[in-house]
Structure formats: C-alpha cells, structure tokens
Amino acid sequence: MEDYKKYIKDEKLLDDLEKLHKKKVVLKELLDSTKDNEPFVVELAGLPRTGKSVTVERLADFFKFGKINVVKTKEPAQIIKDTHTVEELDAMTKVDFNNKTLEISRKELERLKNQKGNSIILQDRGVIDNYFWYQMMYEDNLITEDEFKEILKELPLDLATMDRLFVMSASPETIIYRDYMNAIFLEPRKKTTLEGVSKLKDGFENLLSNIEVDDKIIELDTTNIQELDTSIIIANNIIDGMVKKIIKK
C-alpha cells in the first residue's frame, strides 16, 4: 500500500484526516460490539453548488473503506423521470411533482431503514429537501397559505426520522462563481442567476425559521470552506452523533 504521507503535503489536512480515521476505527469497533443498531439517517439539503453531492460520495467512500455499512437513497426526481412518460411529466404541475418526490423520498428511506445491516443512510436532497421547495412554491403563490400550513404539519414527523440534517448554503456570488468554475459552457444560466439563487437562499432561511432547531439540524455555510474540508466537518459530526446514539442506547 502506498504511504499516504508521501502524497498529502498539507500538514493540517494530514492531521485532520488521521484524527478522522482514528475516530472511524473506534466507531467500527463500537458498532461491532453492539447489536441491533438502528441505521443513522443523514440528509444533506440546501442550495446548489454548496458541496452536497460530492460530500455524499466522499462520505460513502469514507465509511465503506472502513467496512461500515453505508447506503445512499436513490434520487427521487430521477425515479419519477425514469418511470413516467414525457407526456405524463409535462402534465404535472410543480406541486404535483414535489408531492411525488416527497412520497418517493419517504418510501425510499423506509425501504433502506428496513434493510438489515445498514449502519448509515445518506440522502442527497432527501425527505426534508422537499419542504424547502414547498416554501418556494408558497412564496410564488403556487400553493395557498392554508395549503402550506397543512403541509408544514407533516414536517415534524419527517424530521423525527432524521438523525442529522445538514442544511448547506453559501453566498449567491460564491454559488454562481462555482457554477462557472464547474462547467465549460458560457451560455447564460437559466437557474443559477443572482436573482434566482438569492430567492432560493431567502426561501431556505424562511423555512428554517419555522423549524425548531436542535442539535440534529446543522446549518453549514460553505462560502469560505473548501469542499474537502466540508466533507471532513460533516464526517466528524456524523461519527460523533453515531457514537453518542450508540452509547445512549
């Protein structure tokens, strides 16, 4: 095996990764020494270009290489697109589509929770993310205030199924910069615009004001954080949460 110290020249990064690795080893030993551990459910929600998808992939590899059973939920919007015709999709309103993604997100999460042996379930835009889109629809007058209040009644029940919810954001300027730096086309963006991203950010903050924040909900501003550091922060938080949950049990 190659000596990683030959390749990781950043001393702080090396120290962070070695500490994280040791914590993972302790977690694995703790999992092996206890029985009937419920899977630790993690969701990464938030604004585009804040590191959600790449972090989920890094987390999956990190735990997998430590022989900790980790699974990822399937992307609900893609499931809908794969199981409906173009005509059916065109006939759906934004509200209809979001209703279906929420339904599928819940079923997919329940399916993986019922599978034996899963220690960690990772969701990239999972169950709770749908509520942020309901917030946007309410602000766009696509659903009424009464309809939105009825929807929000389900939010505490869905939050109760989570062990960690990371709500990731960044400044609109940073998000647009990252969008240009992660693509090679120069045509005008349809969604990633200063106005559009600012509106999304306001919507996320408005919904969070309706949520009773506790230690399971982590708001993470990645404006001044590198993607790798974001993954390290979240991995540390997950391990700490899992250890606490197992010991408390």
Foldseek 3Di string as FASTA:
>chain_A
DDDCCVPPVPPVVVVLVVVLLVLLLVLVVLVVVDPDAFAAEEEEAEDPPQQLPVLLVVLCVSNVVSVAAEEEFDQLLVVVVVPDDPVVVVPDDPVRSLVSQLVSLVVSVVVVRPDPRHHYYYYYCGNLNSLLVVLLCCVVVVDDPVVNVVVVVCVVVVVVVHQAYEYEAEQLVLNLVSVPVVDDDDPDDDQSDNVNRVSSVVSVVVVVVVDDDDPRYHYYYCHPPDSVVVSSVVSVSSSVSSVVVSVVD
